[in-house]
Amino acid sequence: MNKNDKINFWSFLVASICFYIIAVTKFIDKDTHTAVVFFCLGSAFLCLSATHLNKNKKEK
């Protein structure tokens, strides 16, 4: 894994964690429609980080 790949992986991971935190706060505020959207965005970014990590393993 080169430096750019590590930066991309960590960026996707941090973005997913941020979206999950926002989703939890929206669920606490009873704004469920927005919370579901942020939860889905967090899941999408988590999948992107996992896919990015697996792509590098297949190249080796």
PDB file of N, CA and C in Angstrom:
ATOM      1  N   MET A   1       0.843  -1.173   0.000  1.00  0.00           N
ATOM      2  CA  MET A   1       0.000   0.000   0.000  1.00  0.00           C
ATOM      3  C   MET A   1       0.891   1.240   0.000  1.00  0.00           C
ATOM      4  N   ASN A   2       0.712   2.092  -0.991  1.00  0.00           N
ATOM      5  CA  ASN A   2       1.508   3.307  -0.997  1.00  0.00           C
ATOM      6  C   ASN A   2       0.828   4.400  -0.178  1.00  0.00           C
ATOM      7  N   LYS A   3       1.462   5.539  -0.104  1.00  0.00           N
ATOM      8  CA  LYS A   3       0.983   6.615   0.763  1.00  0.00           C
ATOM      9  C   LYS A   3      -0.396   7.122   0.349  1.00  0.00           C
ATOM     10  N   ASN A   4      -0.641   7.277  -0.942  1.00  0.00           N
ATOM     11  CA  ASN A   4      -1.944   7.769  -1.416  1.00  0.00           C
ATOM     12  C   ASN A   4      -3.065   6.795  -1.081  1.00  0.00           C
ATOM     13  N   ASP A   5      -2.786   5.503  -1.183  1.00  0.00           N
ATOM     14  CA  ASP A   5      -3.801   4.507  -0.857  1.00  0.00           C
ATOM     15  C   ASP A   5      -4.149   4.541   0.626  1.00  0.00           C
ATOM     16  N   LYS A   6      -3.142   4.731   1.464  1.00  0.00           N
ATOM     17  CA  LYS A   6      -3.401   4.828   2.904  1.00  0.00           C
ATOM     18  C   LYS A   6      -4.223   6.060   3.235  1.00  0.00           C
ATOM     19  N   ILE A   7      -3.905   7.170   2.578  1.00  0.00           N
ATOM     20  CA  ILE A   7      -4.663   8.404   2.816  1.00  0.00           C
ATOM     21  C   ILE A   7      -6.111   8.231   2.382  1.00  0.00           C
ATOM     22  N   ASN A   8      -6.338   7.605   1.231  1.00  0.00           N
ATOM     23  CA  ASN A   8      -7.702   7.368   0.758  1.00  0.00           C
ATOM     24  C   ASN A   8      -8.463   6.459   1.708  1.00  0.00           C
ATOM     25  N   PHE A   9      -7.810   5.387   2.150  1.00  0.00           N
ATOM     26  CA  PHE A   9      -8.461   4.450   3.069  1.00  0.00           C
ATOM     27  C   PHE A   9      -8.866   5.147   4.363  1.00  0.00           C
ATOM     28  N   TRP A  10      -7.939   5.886   4.969  1.00  0.00           N
ATOM     29  CA  TRP A  10      -8.243   6.563   6.232  1.00  0.00           C
ATOM     30  C   TRP A  10      -9.266   7.669   6.047  1.00  0.00           C
ATOM     31  N   SER A  11      -9.266   8.327   4.907  1.00  0.00           N
ATOM     32  CA  SER A  11     -10.258   9.380   4.657  1.00  0.00           C
ATOM     33  C   SER A  11     -11.666   8.804   4.578  1.00  0.00           C
ATOM     34  N   PHE A  12     -11.814   7.694   3.853  1.00  0.00           N
ATOM     35  CA  PHE A  12     -13.126   7.041   3.787  1.00  0.00           C
ATOM     36  C   PHE A  12     -13.564   6.557   5.163  1.00  0.00           C
ATOM     37  N   LEU A  13     -12.636   6.026   5.938  1.00  0.00           N
ATOM     38  CA  LEU A  13     -12.969   5.508   7.267  1.00  0.00           C
ATOM     39  C   LEU A  13     -13.387   6.635   8.210  1.00  0.00           C
ATOM     40  N   VAL A  14     -12.659   7.741   8.206  1.00  0.00           N
ATOM     41  CA  VAL A  14     -13.001   8.880   9.070  1.00  0.00           C
ATOM     42  C   VAL A  14     -14.333   9.489   8.643  1.00  0.00           C
ATOM     43  N   ALA A  15     -14.569   9.578   7.349  1.00  0.00           N
ATOM     44  CA  ALA A  15     -15.842  10.119   6.865  1.00  0.00           C
ATOM     45  C   ALA A  15     -17.006   9.245   7.311  1.00  0.00           C
ATOM     46  N   SER A  16     -16.840   7.923   7.260  1.00  0.00           N
ATOM     47  CA  SER A  16     -17.924   7.040   7.692  1.00  0.00           C
ATOM     48  C   SER A  16     -18.189   7.181   9.181  1.00  0.00           C
ATOM     49  N   ILE A  17     -17.136   7.319   9.979  1.00  0.00           N
ATOM     50  CA  ILE A  17     -17.323   7.503  11.422  1.00  0.00           C
ATOM     51  C   ILE A  17     -18.042   8.812  11.705  1.00  0.00           C
ATOM     52  N   CYS A  18     -17.682   9.869  10.983  1.00  0.00           N
ATOM     53  CA  CYS A  18     -18.368  11.156  11.161  1.00  0.00           C
ATOM     54  C   CYS A  18     -19.845  11.055  10.799  1.00  0.00           C
ATOM     55  N   PHE A  19     -20.164  10.377   9.704  1.00  0.00           N
ATOM     56  CA  PHE A  19     -21.570  10.209   9.327  1.00  0.00           C
ATOM     57  C   PHE A  19     -22.329   9.395  10.370  1.00  0.00           C
ATOM     58  N   TYR A  20     -21.701   8.374  10.947  1.00  0.00           N
ATOM     59  CA  TYR A  20     -22.352   7.595  11.997  1.00  0.00           C
ATOM     60  C   TYR A  20     -22.604   8.444  13.242  1.00  0.00           C
ATOM     61  N   ILE A  21     -21.667   9.286  13.610  1.00  0.00           N
ATOM     62  CA  ILE A  21     -21.850  10.159  14.780  1.00  0.00           C
ATOM     63  C   ILE A  21     -23.005  11.120  14.546  1.00  0.00           C
ATOM     64  N   ILE A  22     -23.062  11.695  13.356  1.00  0.00           N
ATOM     65  CA  ILE A  22     -24.168  12.598  13.031  1.00  0.00           C
ATOM     66  C   ILE A  22     -25.491  11.845  13.058  1.00  0.00           C
ATOM     67  N   ALA A  23     -25.503  10.609  12.549  1.00  0.00           N
ATOM     68  CA  ALA A  23     -26.740   9.821  12.550  1.00  0.00           C
ATOM     69  C   ALA A  23     -27.209   9.545  13.966  1.00  0.00           C
ATOM     70  N   VAL A  24     -26.295   9.229  14.866  1.00  0.00           N
ATOM     71  CA  VAL A  24     -26.678   8.962  16.263  1.00  0.00           C
ATOM     72  C   VAL A  24     -27.257  10.220  16.900  1.00  0.00           C
ATOM     73  N   THR A  25     -26.637  11.369  16.656  1.00  0.00           N
ATOM     74  CA  THR A  25     -27.176  12.607  17.238  1.00  0.00           C
ATOM     75  C   THR A  25     -28.541  12.948  16.648  1.00  0.00           C
ATOM     76  N   LYS A  26     -28.755  12.647  15.378  1.00  0.00           N
ATOM     77  CA  LYS A  26     -30.073  12.903  14.779  1.00  0.00           C
ATOM     78  C   LYS A  26     -31.130  11.949  15.335  1.00  0.00           C
ATOM     79  N   PHE A  27     -30.736  10.696  15.606  1.00  0.00           N
ATOM     80  CA  PHE A  27     -31.683   9.771  16.232  1.00  0.00           C
ATOM     81  C   PHE A  27     -32.049  10.246  17.631  1.00  0.00           C
ATOM     82  N   ILE A  28     -31.097  10.785  18.357  1.00  0.00           N
ATOM     83  CA  ILE A  28     -31.369  11.301  19.703  1.00  0.00           C
ATOM     84  C   ILE A  28     -32.306  12.499  19.638  1.00  0.00           C
ATOM     85  N   ASP A  29     -32.150  13.319  18.604  1.00  0.00           N
ATOM     86  CA  ASP A  29     -33.004  14.501  18.425  1.00  0.00           C
ATOM     87  C   ASP A  29     -34.362  14.164  17.819  1.00  0.00           C
ATOM     88  N   LYS A  30     -34.616  12.885  17.574  1.00  0.00           N
ATOM     89  CA  LYS A  30     -35.886  12.398  17.000  1.00  0.00           C
ATOM     90  C   LYS A  30     -36.092  12.841  15.554  1.00  0.00           C
ATOM     91  N   ASP A  31     -35.013  13.155  14.855  1.00  0.00           N
ATOM     92  CA  ASP A  31     -35.090  13.503  13.430  1.00  0.00           C
ATOM     93  C   ASP A  31     -34.691  12.262  12.637  1.00  0.00           C
ATOM     94  N   THR A  32     -35.629  11.306  12.558  1.00  0.00           N
ATOM     95  CA  THR A  32     -35.276   9.989  12.027  1.00  0.00           C
ATOM     96  C   THR A  32     -35.036   9.992  10.520  1.00  0.00           C
ATOM     97  N   HIS A  33     -35.721  10.837   9.789  1.00  0.00           N
ATOM     98  CA  HIS A  33     -35.534  10.847   8.334  1.00  0.00           C
ATOM     99  C   HIS A  33     -34.102  11.236   7.973  1.00  0.00           C
ATOM    100  N   THR A  34     -33.613  12.279   8.594  1.00  0.00           N
ATOM    101  CA  THR A  34     -32.250  12.709   8.333  1.00  0.00           C
ATOM    102  C   THR A  34     -31.248  11.708   8.895  1.00  0.00           C
ATOM    103  N   ALA A  35     -31.573  11.109  10.033  1.00  0.00           N
ATOM    104  CA  ALA A  35     -30.667  10.135  10.646  1.00  0.00           C
ATOM    105  C   ALA A  35     -30.477   8.915   9.754  1.00  0.00           C
ATOM    106  N   VAL A  36     -31.527   8.469   9.120  1.00  0.00           N
ATOM    107  CA  VAL A  36     -31.422   7.314   8.228  1.00  0.00           C
ATOM    108  C   VAL A  36     -30.545   7.646   7.030  1.00  0.00           C
ATOM    109  N   VAL A  37     -30.667   8.856   6.514  1.00  0.00           N
ATOM    110  CA  VAL A  37     -29.834   9.269   5.382  1.00  0.00           C
ATOM    111  C   VAL A  37     -28.355   9.267   5.780  1.00  0.00           C
ATOM    112  N   PHE A  38     -28.043   9.842   6.938  1.00  0.00           N
ATOM    113  CA  PHE A  38     -26.653   9.872   7.385  1.00  0.00           C
ATOM    114  C   PHE A  38     -26.142   8.481   7.729  1.00  0.00           C
ATOM    115  N   PHE A  39     -27.008   7.625   8.246  1.00  0.00           N
ATOM    116  CA  PHE A  39     -26.606   6.249   8.520  1.00  0.00           C
ATOM    117  C   PHE A  39     -26.270   5.521   7.220  1.00  0.00           C
ATOM    118  N   CYS A  40     -27.065   5.728   6.195  1.00  0.00           N
ATOM    119  CA  CYS A  40     -26.782   5.107   4.893  1.00  0.00           C
ATOM    120  C   CYS A  40     -25.500   5.659   4.275  1.00  0.00           C
ATOM    121  N   LEU A  41     -25.274   6.959   4.414  1.00  0.00           N
ATOM    122  CA  LEU A  41     -24.030   7.541   3.904  1.00  0.00           C
ATOM    123  C   LEU A  41     -22.816   6.977   4.644  1.00  0.00           C
ATOM    124  N   GLY A  42     -22.935   6.809   5.954  1.00  0.00           N
ATOM    125  CA  GLY A  42     -21.850   6.218   6.724  1.00  0.00           C
ATOM    126  C   GLY A  42     -21.568   4.797   6.291  1.00  0.00           C
ATOM    127  N   SER A  43     -22.611   4.041   6.027  1.00  0.00           N
ATOM    128  CA  SER A  43     -22.427   2.663   5.565  1.00  0.00           C
ATOM    129  C   SER A  43     -21.790   2.625   4.182  1.00  0.00           C
ATOM    130  N   ALA A  44     -22.174   3.553   3.323  1.00  0.00           N
ATOM    131  CA  ALA A  44     -21.589   3.601   1.980  1.00  0.00           C
ATOM    132  C   ALA A  44     -20.097   3.920   2.043  1.00  0.00           C
ATOM    133  N   PHE A  45     -19.727   4.871   2.876  1.00  0.00           N
ATOM    134  CA  PHE A  45     -18.316   5.208   2.995  1.00  0.00           C
ATOM    135  C   PHE A  45     -17.522   4.094   3.665  1.00  0.00           C
ATOM    136  N   LEU A  46     -18.140   3.362   4.584  1.00  0.00           N
ATOM    137  CA  LEU A  46     -17.466   2.217   5.191  1.00  0.00           C
ATOM    138  C   LEU A  46     -17.233   1.123   4.153  1.00  0.00           C
ATOM    139  N   CYS A  47     -18.201   0.905   3.290  1.00  0.00           N
ATOM    140  CA  CYS A  47     -18.025  -0.067   2.205  1.00  0.00           C
ATOM    141  C   CYS A  47     -16.940   0.381   1.231  1.00  0.00           C
ATOM    142  N   LEU A  48     -16.883   1.681   0.949  1.00  0.00           N
ATOM    143  CA  LEU A  48     -15.832   2.184   0.074  1.00  0.00           C
ATOM    144  C   LEU A  48     -14.450   1.965   0.666  1.00  0.00           C
ATOM    145  N   SER A  49     -14.320   2.165   1.973  1.00  0.00           N
ATOM    146  CA  SER A  49     -13.007   1.954   2.586  1.00  0.00           C
ATOM    147  C   SER A  49     -12.629   0.482   2.567  1.00  0.00           C
ATOM    148  N   ALA A  50     -13.590  -0.394   2.813  1.00  0.00           N
ATOM    149  CA  ALA A  50     -13.308  -1.834   2.776  1.00  0.00           C
ATOM    150  C   ALA A  50     -12.980  -2.290   1.361  1.00  0.00           C
ATOM    151  N   THR A  51     -13.686  -1.780   0.385  1.00  0.00           N
ATOM    152  CA  THR A  51     -13.416  -2.127  -1.005  1.00  0.00           C
ATOM    153  C   THR A  51     -12.040  -1.630  -1.430  1.00  0.00           C
ATOM    154  N   HIS A  52     -11.710  -0.441  -0.996  1.00  0.00           N
ATOM    155  CA  HIS A  52     -10.396   0.118  -1.327  1.00  0.00           C
ATOM    156  C   HIS A  52      -9.284  -0.725  -0.715  1.00  0.00           C
ATOM    157  N   LEU A  53      -9.506  -1.215   0.494  1.00  0.00           N
ATOM    158  CA  LEU A  53      -8.508  -2.051   1.158  1.00  0.00           C
ATOM    159  C   LEU A  53      -8.392  -3.398   0.464  1.00  0.00           C
ATOM    160  N   ASN A  54      -9.502  -3.999   0.056  1.00  0.00           N
ATOM    161  CA  ASN A  54      -9.470  -5.295  -0.621  1.00  0.00           C
ATOM    162  C   ASN A  54      -8.893  -5.196  -2.028  1.00  0.00           C
ATOM    163  N   LYS A  55      -9.057  -4.056  -2.677  1.00  0.00           N
ATOM    164  CA  LYS A  55      -8.501  -3.857  -4.012  1.00  0.00           C
ATOM    165  C   LYS A  55      -6.979  -3.967  -3.975  1.00  0.00           C
ATOM    166  N   ASN A  56      -6.403  -3.435  -2.931  1.00  0.00           N
ATOM    167  CA  ASN A  56      -4.944  -3.490  -2.813  1.00  0.00           C
ATOM    168  C   ASN A  56      -4.450  -4.907  -2.524  1.00  0.00           C
ATOM    169  N   LYS A  57      -5.230  -5.694  -1.818  1.00  0.00           N
ATOM    170  CA  LYS A  57      -4.834  -7.082  -1.538  1.00  0.00           C
ATOM    171  C   LYS A  57      -4.890  -7.926  -2.808  1.00  0.00           C
ATOM    172  N   LYS A  58      -5.856  -7.664  -3.687  1.00  0.00           N
ATOM    173  CA  LYS A  58      -5.979  -8.441  -4.923  1.00  0.00           C
ATOM    174  C   LYS A  58      -4.864  -8.107  -5.901  1.00  0.00           C
ATOM    175  N   GLU A  59      -4.358  -6.870  -5.857  1.00  0.00           N
ATOM    176  CA  GLU A  59      -3.287  -6.484  -6.773  1.00  0.00           C
ATOM    177  C   GLU A  59      -1.993  -7.198  -6.454  1.00  0.00           C
ATOM    178  N   LYS A  60      -1.796  -7.575  -5.201  1.00  0.00           N
ATOM    179  CA  LYS A  60      -0.573  -8.279  -4.812  1.00  0.00           C
ATOM    180  C   LYS A  60      -0.679  -9.690  -5.228  1.00  0.00           C
TER     181      LYS A  60
END
